[in-house]
Amino acid sequence: MPQPKMPQATRLSREKESPRMNTPDRTRPAGPDTIEAAPLRGLPESERTLLIVDDDAPLCQRLARAMERRGFVVSTAESVASGMAAAAQAPAFAVVDLRLGDGSGLDVVGAVRTARPAARIVMLTGYGNIATAVAAVKAGALDYLPKPADADAVERALLAQEGETPPPPEDPMSADRVRWEHIQRVFELCERNVSETARRLKMHRRTLQRILSKHAPRN
């Protein structure tokens, strides 16, 4: 006799109750519904390993499941400490949130790069994209994406060929946002020194302080 289908609410509640994969040694292979990306076909597991580090647990798990369906062998971490421990496993790919509860994801990027110099790393950031790009590239990331990043964008960034340029954005930054980002970038390059930033931007110090105290303009 066929088994009755589980009600949707029950399936969702059981999924929420399942243990989170947040330790370095809990690596899940791709399932039977995998739609494997062409560059991953025929690669051994060690060349498909992906570490995702993000302290937003629901987002982290959704992205992990989506990347597994694309053929990656995924492990996750939710802090700098656990991310650096997982980096010792030398993943081939990594997606790392910049701002974590116990520090900066840039430390994890450095640890992954040390363990596996050829690793392809993407940084996720919810703020200061241009300034973040400077710091991320210095640390060893190959690209950065604004949060929330969807799995397709993450896959494209991780598997992009050298020298490949992304398509133009559908919703580019406004002029006000570009100005704000430029100020943030110079501020970061000046080691967050307000006086030096104001001098280089030829801007009054108080004006700069007012700009820095505000949220980024909406696109």
C-alpha atoms as a PDB file:
ATOM      1  CA  MET A   1       0.000   0.000   0.000  1.00  0.00           C
ATOM      2  CA  PRO A   2       1.511   3.407  -0.922  1.00  0.00           C
ATOM      3  CA  GLN A   3       2.478   5.616   1.988  1.00  0.00           C
ATOM      4  CA  PRO A   4       0.315   8.739   2.430  1.00  0.00           C
ATOM      5  CA  LYS A   5       2.049  11.990   1.582  1.00  0.00           C
ATOM      6  CA  MET A   6       3.323  13.961   4.527  1.00  0.00           C
ATOM      7  CA  PRO A   7       1.464  17.289   4.895  1.00  0.00           C
ATOM      8  CA  GLN A   8       3.517  20.324   3.810  1.00  0.00           C
ATOM      9  CA  ALA A   9       3.492  21.881   7.281  1.00  0.00           C
ATOM     10  CA  THR A  10       4.876  18.666   8.787  1.00  0.00           C
ATOM     11  CA  ARG A  11       7.646  18.454   6.219  1.00  0.00           C
ATOM     12  CA  LEU A  12       8.671  22.039   6.925  1.00  0.00           C
ATOM     13  CA  SER A  13       8.574  21.617  10.677  1.00  0.00           C
ATOM     14  CA  ARG A  14      10.720  18.474  10.496  1.00  0.00           C
ATOM     15  CA  GLU A  15      13.193  20.239   8.251  1.00  0.00           C
ATOM     16  CA  LYS A  16      13.534  23.036  10.807  1.00  0.00           C
ATOM     17  CA  GLU A  17      14.130  20.480  13.536  1.00  0.00           C
ATOM     18  CA  SER A  18      16.953  18.783  11.645  1.00  0.00           C
ATOM     19  CA  PRO A  19      20.420  19.474  13.048  1.00  0.00           C
ATOM     20  CA  ARG A  20      22.367  22.284  11.412  1.00  0.00           C
ATOM     21  CA  MET A  21      25.574  21.401   9.645  1.00  0.00           C
ATOM     22  CA  ASN A  22      27.933  23.902  11.262  1.00  0.00           C
ATOM     23  CA  THR A  23      31.090  21.966  11.942  1.00  0.00           C
ATOM     24  CA  PRO A  24      33.999  21.504   9.572  1.00  0.00           C
ATOM     25  CA  ASP A  25      33.857  17.725   9.407  1.00  0.00           C
ATOM     26  CA  ARG A  26      30.190  17.470   8.445  1.00  0.00           C
ATOM     27  CA  THR A  27      30.447  17.461   4.674  1.00  0.00           C
ATOM     28  CA  ARG A  28      27.457  16.481   2.593  1.00  0.00           C
ATOM     29  CA  PRO A  29      27.778  14.942  -0.879  1.00  0.00           C
ATOM     30  CA  ALA A  30      25.505  16.053  -3.678  1.00  0.00           C
ATOM     31  CA  GLY A  31      22.158  14.258  -3.812  1.00  0.00           C
ATOM     32  CA  PRO A  32      20.363  12.448  -6.628  1.00  0.00           C
ATOM     33  CA  ASP A  33      18.668  15.670  -7.834  1.00  0.00           C
ATOM     34  CA  THR A  34      22.039  17.294  -8.570  1.00  0.00           C
ATOM     35  CA  ILE A  35      22.271  19.581 -11.592  1.00  0.00           C
ATOM     36  CA  GLU A  36      26.041  19.591 -11.828  1.00  0.00           C
ATOM     37  CA  ALA A  37      27.803  22.622 -13.284  1.00  0.00           C
ATOM     38  CA  ALA A  38      29.869  21.766 -16.378  1.00  0.00           C
ATOM     39  CA  PRO A  39      33.241  22.827 -14.844  1.00  0.00           C
ATOM     40  CA  LEU A  40      32.673  20.364 -11.971  1.00  0.00           C
ATOM     41  CA  ARG A  41      31.939  17.291 -14.099  1.00  0.00           C
ATOM     42  CA  GLY A  42      34.444  14.492 -13.655  1.00  0.00           C
ATOM     43  CA  LEU A  43      36.273  16.234 -10.805  1.00  0.00           C
ATOM     44  CA  PRO A  44      37.081  14.212  -7.664  1.00  0.00           C
ATOM     45  CA  GLU A  45      35.378  15.198  -4.427  1.00  0.00           C
ATOM     46  CA  SER A  46      38.476  17.003  -3.175  1.00  0.00           C
ATOM     47  CA  GLU A  47      38.228  19.408  -6.136  1.00  0.00           C
ATOM     48  CA  ARG A  48      34.538  20.159  -5.488  1.00  0.00           C
ATOM     49  CA  THR A  49      34.734  20.984  -1.775  1.00  0.00           C
ATOM     50  CA  LEU A  50      33.047  24.250  -0.814  1.00  0.00           C
ATOM     51  CA  LEU A  51      33.168  25.982   2.568  1.00  0.00           C
ATOM     52  CA  ILE A  52      30.367  28.453   3.352  1.00  0.00           C
ATOM     53  CA  VAL A  53      30.924  30.721   6.362  1.00  0.00           C
ATOM     54  CA  ASP A  54      27.967  32.862   7.439  1.00  0.00           C
ATOM     55  CA  ASP A  55      26.417  33.497  10.849  1.00  0.00           C
ATOM     56  CA  ASP A  56      22.954  33.909   9.313  1.00  0.00           C
ATOM     57  CA  ALA A  57      22.029  30.251   9.809  1.00  0.00           C
ATOM     58  CA  PRO A  58      18.885  30.087   7.594  1.00  0.00           C
ATOM     59  CA  LEU A  59      20.653  31.834   4.707  1.00  0.00           C
ATOM     60  CA  CYS A  60      23.725  29.659   5.169  1.00  0.00           C
ATOM     61  CA  GLN A  61      21.703  26.450   5.037  1.00  0.00           C
ATOM     62  CA  ARG A  62      19.643  27.518   2.019  1.00  0.00           C
ATOM     63  CA  LEU A  63      22.792  28.388   0.119  1.00  0.00           C
ATOM     64  CA  ALA A  64      24.435  25.119   1.200  1.00  0.00           C
ATOM     65  CA  ARG A  65      21.531  23.046  -0.122  1.00  0.00           C
ATOM     66  CA  ALA A  66      21.451  24.984  -3.385  1.00  0.00           C
ATOM     67  CA  MET A  67      25.192  24.568  -3.947  1.00  0.00           C
ATOM     68  CA  GLU A  68      24.985  20.843  -3.185  1.00  0.00           C
ATOM     69  CA  ARG A  69      22.404  20.505  -5.954  1.00  0.00           C
ATOM     70  CA  ARG A  70      24.948  22.112  -8.264  1.00  0.00           C
ATOM     71  CA  GLY A  71      27.532  19.428  -7.538  1.00  0.00           C
ATOM     72  CA  PHE A  72      29.614  20.982  -4.757  1.00  0.00           C
ATOM     73  CA  VAL A  73      30.569  19.016  -1.637  1.00  0.00           C
ATOM     74  CA  VAL A  74      29.567  21.512   1.050  1.00  0.00           C
ATOM     75  CA  SER A  75      30.560  22.183   4.634  1.00  0.00           C
ATOM     76  CA  THR A  76      29.473  25.202   6.672  1.00  0.00           C
ATOM     77  CA  ALA A  77      30.638  27.298   9.600  1.00  0.00           C
ATOM     78  CA  GLU A  78      28.987  30.162  11.463  1.00  0.00           C
ATOM     79  CA  SER A  79      31.929  32.022  13.023  1.00  0.00           C
ATOM     80  CA  VAL A  80      35.494  33.124  12.404  1.00  0.00           C
ATOM     81  CA  ALA A  81      36.763  30.466  14.813  1.00  0.00           C
ATOM     82  CA  SER A  82      34.900  27.556  13.212  1.00  0.00           C
ATOM     83  CA  GLY A  83      35.581  28.934   9.736  1.00  0.00           C
ATOM     84  CA  MET A  84      39.323  29.012  10.340  1.00  0.00           C
ATOM     85  CA  ALA A  85      39.192  25.472  11.721  1.00  0.00           C
ATOM     86  CA  ALA A  86      37.326  24.358   8.583  1.00  0.00           C
ATOM     87  CA  ALA A  87      39.832  26.194   6.385  1.00  0.00           C
ATOM     88  CA  ALA A  88      42.482  23.736   7.551  1.00  0.00           C
ATOM     89  CA  GLN A  89      40.673  21.117   5.415  1.00  0.00           C
ATOM     90  CA  ALA A  90      41.838  23.122   2.358  1.00  0.00           C
ATOM     91  CA  PRO A  91      38.525  23.530   0.490  1.00  0.00           C
ATOM     92  CA  ALA A  92      38.708  24.135  -3.249  1.00  0.00           C
ATOM     93  CA  PHE A  93      36.070  26.867  -2.983  1.00  0.00           C
ATOM     94  CA  ALA A  94      34.837  29.186  -0.224  1.00  0.00           C
ATOM     95  CA  VAL A  95      32.043  31.696   0.251  1.00  0.00           C
ATOM     96  CA  VAL A  96      32.662  33.881   3.291  1.00  0.00           C
ATOM     97  CA  ASP A  97      30.558  36.609   4.901  1.00  0.00           C
ATOM     98  CA  LEU A  98      32.596  39.694   5.736  1.00  0.00           C
ATOM     99  CA  ARG A  99      30.972  40.501   9.062  1.00  0.00           C
ATOM    100  CA  LEU A 100      30.687  37.584  11.496  1.00  0.00           C
ATOM    101  CA  GLY A 101      29.636  37.577  15.125  1.00  0.00           C
ATOM    102  CA  ASP A 102      33.149  37.022  16.457  1.00  0.00           C
ATOM    103  CA  GLY A 103      35.148  39.080  13.960  1.00  0.00           C
ATOM    104  CA  SER A 104      35.963  39.616  10.295  1.00  0.00           C
ATOM    105  CA  GLY A 105      35.546  37.052   7.540  1.00  0.00           C
ATOM    106  CA  LEU A 106      38.776  38.406   6.045  1.00  0.00           C
ATOM    107  CA  ASP A 107      40.614  36.272   8.603  1.00  0.00           C
ATOM    108  CA  VAL A 108      38.883  33.181   7.213  1.00  0.00           C
ATOM    109  CA  VAL A 109      39.775  34.215   3.654  1.00  0.00           C
ATOM    110  CA  GLY A 110      43.426  34.420   4.687  1.00  0.00           C
ATOM    111  CA  ALA A 111      43.269  31.008   6.355  1.00  0.00           C
ATOM    112  CA  VAL A 112      41.707  29.372   3.281  1.00  0.00           C
ATOM    113  CA  ARG A 113      44.286  31.000   1.029  1.00  0.00           C
ATOM    114  CA  THR A 114      47.099  29.741   3.272  1.00  0.00           C
ATOM    115  CA  ALA A 115      45.740  26.187   3.336  1.00  0.00           C
ATOM    116  CA  ARG A 116      45.064  26.114  -0.400  1.00  0.00           C
ATOM    117  CA  PRO A 117      46.659  28.949  -2.402  1.00  0.00           C
ATOM    118  CA  ALA A 118      44.632  28.132  -5.526  1.00  0.00           C
ATOM    119  CA  ALA A 119      41.254  28.142  -3.716  1.00  0.00           C
ATOM    120  CA  ARG A 120      38.545  30.248  -5.351  1.00  0.00           C
ATOM    121  CA  ILE A 121      37.005  32.510  -2.714  1.00  0.00           C
ATOM    122  CA  VAL A 122      34.002  34.834  -2.886  1.00  0.00           C
ATOM    123  CA  MET A 123      33.266  37.401  -0.185  1.00  0.00           C
ATOM    124  CA  LEU A 124      29.685  38.258   0.809  1.00  0.00           C
ATOM    125  CA  THR A 125      28.960  41.725   2.152  1.00  0.00           C
ATOM    126  CA  GLY A 126      25.880  43.613   3.232  1.00  0.00           C
ATOM    127  CA  TYR A 127      27.454  47.057   3.218  1.00  0.00           C
ATOM    128  CA  GLY A 128      30.250  49.204   1.752  1.00  0.00           C
ATOM    129  CA  ASN A 129      30.687  47.119  -1.376  1.00  0.00           C
ATOM    130  CA  ILE A 130      33.502  49.071  -3.021  1.00  0.00           C
ATOM    131  CA  ALA A 131      35.430  49.458   0.223  1.00  0.00           C
ATOM    132  CA  THR A 132      34.888  45.778   0.913  1.00  0.00           C
ATOM    133  CA  ALA A 133      36.227  44.858  -2.509  1.00  0.00           C
ATOM    134  CA  VAL A 134      39.541  46.539  -1.725  1.00  0.00           C
ATOM    135  CA  ALA A 135      39.946  44.638   1.550  1.00  0.00           C
ATOM    136  CA  ALA A 136      38.658  41.339   0.136  1.00  0.00           C
ATOM    137  CA  VAL A 137      41.004  41.315  -2.853  1.00  0.00           C
ATOM    138  CA  LYS A 138      43.939  42.206  -0.613  1.00  0.00           C
ATOM    139  CA  ALA A 139      43.053  39.231   1.584  1.00  0.00           C
ATOM    140  CA  GLY A 140      42.839  36.841  -1.375  1.00  0.00           C
ATOM    141  CA  ALA A 141      39.203  36.795  -2.538  1.00  0.00           C
ATOM    142  CA  LEU A 142      38.584  36.697  -6.279  1.00  0.00           C
ATOM    143  CA  ASP A 143      35.188  38.438  -6.166  1.00  0.00           C
ATOM    144  CA  TYR A 144      32.618  39.910  -3.812  1.00  0.00           C
ATOM    145  CA  LEU A 145      28.821  39.832  -3.881  1.00  0.00           C
ATOM    146  CA  PRO A 146      26.236  41.916  -2.000  1.00  0.00           C
ATOM    147  CA  LYS A 147      23.942  40.053   0.372  1.00  0.00           C
ATOM    148  CA  PRO A 148      21.590  38.378  -0.030  1.00  0.00           C
ATOM    149  CA  ALA A 149      23.358  36.646  -2.926  1.00  0.00           C
ATOM    150  CA  ASP A 150      21.450  33.950  -4.795  1.00  0.00           C
ATOM    151  CA  ALA A 151      23.000  30.591  -5.616  1.00  0.00           C
ATOM    152  CA  ASP A 152      23.236  31.321  -9.345  1.00  0.00           C
ATOM    153  CA  ALA A 153      25.330  34.448  -8.705  1.00  0.00           C
ATOM    154  CA  VAL A 154      27.552  32.571  -6.254  1.00  0.00           C
ATOM    155  CA  GLU A 155      28.073  29.716  -8.720  1.00  0.00           C
ATOM    156  CA  ARG A 156      28.959  32.126 -11.544  1.00  0.00           C
ATOM    157  CA  ALA A 157      31.471  33.932  -9.341  1.00  0.00           C
ATOM    158  CA  LEU A 158      33.113  30.722  -8.095  1.00  0.00           C
ATOM    159  CA  LEU A 159      33.395  29.146 -11.550  1.00  0.00           C
ATOM    160  CA  ALA A 160      34.164  32.244 -13.649  1.00  0.00           C
ATOM    161  CA  GLN A 161      37.040  31.752 -16.063  1.00  0.00           C
ATOM    162  CA  GLU A 162      40.119  33.895 -15.596  1.00  0.00           C
ATOM    163  CA  GLY A 163      39.628  37.261 -17.292  1.00  0.00           C
ATOM    164  CA  GLU A 164      35.878  36.718 -17.682  1.00  0.00           C
ATOM    165  CA  THR A 165      33.818  39.832 -17.027  1.00  0.00           C
ATOM    166  CA  PRO A 166      30.342  39.715 -15.464  1.00  0.00           C
ATOM    167  CA  PRO A 167      27.280  40.958 -17.390  1.00  0.00           C
ATOM    168  CA  PRO A 168      26.205  44.568 -16.747  1.00  0.00           C
ATOM    169  CA  PRO A 169      23.966  44.943 -13.682  1.00  0.00           C
ATOM    170  CA  GLU A 170      20.208  45.033 -14.127  1.00  0.00           C
ATOM    171  CA  ASP A 171      19.891  47.527 -11.281  1.00  0.00           C
ATOM    172  CA  PRO A 172      23.128  49.587 -11.093  1.00  0.00           C
ATOM    173  CA  MET A 173      23.993  51.869  -8.194  1.00  0.00           C
ATOM    174  CA  SER A 174      22.598  55.388  -8.222  1.00  0.00           C
ATOM    175  CA  ALA A 175      24.940  58.380  -8.534  1.00  0.00           C
ATOM    176  CA  ASP A 176      24.446  59.138  -4.820  1.00  0.00           C
ATOM    177  CA  ARG A 177      25.364  55.566  -3.925  1.00  0.00           C
ATOM    178  CA  VAL A 178      28.464  55.644  -6.147  1.00  0.00           C
ATOM    179  CA  ARG A 179      29.601  58.851  -4.391  1.00  0.00           C
ATOM    180  CA  TRP A 180      28.995  57.278  -0.972  1.00  0.00           C
ATOM    181  CA  GLU A 181      30.894  54.138  -1.970  1.00  0.00           C
ATOM    182  CA  HIS A 182      33.824  56.206  -3.244  1.00  0.00           C
ATOM    183  CA  ILE A 183      34.018  58.043   0.083  1.00  0.00           C
ATOM    184  CA  GLN A 184      33.878  54.733   1.949  1.00  0.00           C
ATOM    185  CA  ARG A 185      36.671  53.324  -0.229  1.00  0.00           C
ATOM    186  CA  VAL A 186      38.984  56.279   0.415  1.00  0.00           C
ATOM    187  CA  PHE A 187      38.114  56.104   4.128  1.00  0.00           C
ATOM    188  CA  GLU A 188      39.175  52.435   4.212  1.00  0.00           C
ATOM    189  CA  LEU A 189      42.370  53.135   2.259  1.00  0.00           C
ATOM    190  CA  CYS A 190      43.213  55.870   4.782  1.00  0.00           C
ATOM    191  CA  GLU A 191      42.911  53.298   7.595  1.00  0.00           C
ATOM    192  CA  ARG A 192      39.614  54.934   8.714  1.00  0.00           C
ATOM    193  CA  ASN A 193      41.381  58.190   9.581  1.00  0.00           C
ATOM    194  CA  VAL A 194      38.749  60.940   9.204  1.00  0.00           C
ATOM    195  CA  SER A 195      41.184  63.853   8.979  1.00  0.00           C
ATOM    196  CA  GLU A 196      43.340  62.187   6.320  1.00  0.00           C
ATOM    197  CA  THR A 197      40.275  61.104   4.344  1.00  0.00           C
ATOM    198  CA  ALA A 198      38.848  64.635   4.405  1.00  0.00           C
ATOM    199  CA  ARG A 199      42.179  66.039   3.228  1.00  0.00           C
ATOM    200  CA  ARG A 200      42.427  63.628   0.302  1.00  0.00           C
ATOM    201  CA  LEU A 201      38.817  64.184  -0.724  1.00  0.00           C
ATOM    202  CA  LYS A 202      39.237  67.975  -0.349  1.00  0.00           C
ATOM    203  CA  MET A 203      36.226  67.952   1.943  1.00  0.00           C
ATOM    204  CA  HIS A 204      35.529  69.672   5.253  1.00  0.00           C
ATOM    205  CA  ARG A 205      36.053  67.272   8.155  1.00  0.00           C
ATOM    206  CA  ARG A 206      32.591  67.913   9.647  1.00  0.00           C
ATOM    207  CA  THR A 207      30.922  67.312   6.294  1.00  0.00           C
ATOM    208  CA  LEU A 208      32.742  64.017   5.983  1.00  0.00           C
ATOM    209  CA  GLN A 209      31.758  62.991   9.514  1.00  0.00           C
ATOM    210  CA  ARG A 210      28.085  63.654   8.705  1.00  0.00           C
ATOM    211  CA  ILE A 211      28.319  61.480   5.577  1.00  0.00           C
ATOM    212  CA  LEU A 212      30.072  58.661   7.425  1.00  0.00           C
ATOM    213  CA  SER A 213      27.432  58.679  10.167  1.00  0.00           C
ATOM    214  CA  LYS A 214      24.596  58.040   7.689  1.00  0.00           C
ATOM    215  CA  HIS A 215      23.443  54.805   6.115  1.00  0.00           C
ATOM    216  CA  ALA A 216      24.247  54.151   2.481  1.00  0.00           C
ATOM    217  CA  PRO A 217      21.785  55.775   0.034  1.00  0.00           C
ATOM    218  CA  ARG A 218      19.316  53.397  -1.583  1.00  0.00           C
ATOM    219  CA  ASN A 219      19.941  52.470  -5.190  1.00  0.00           C
END
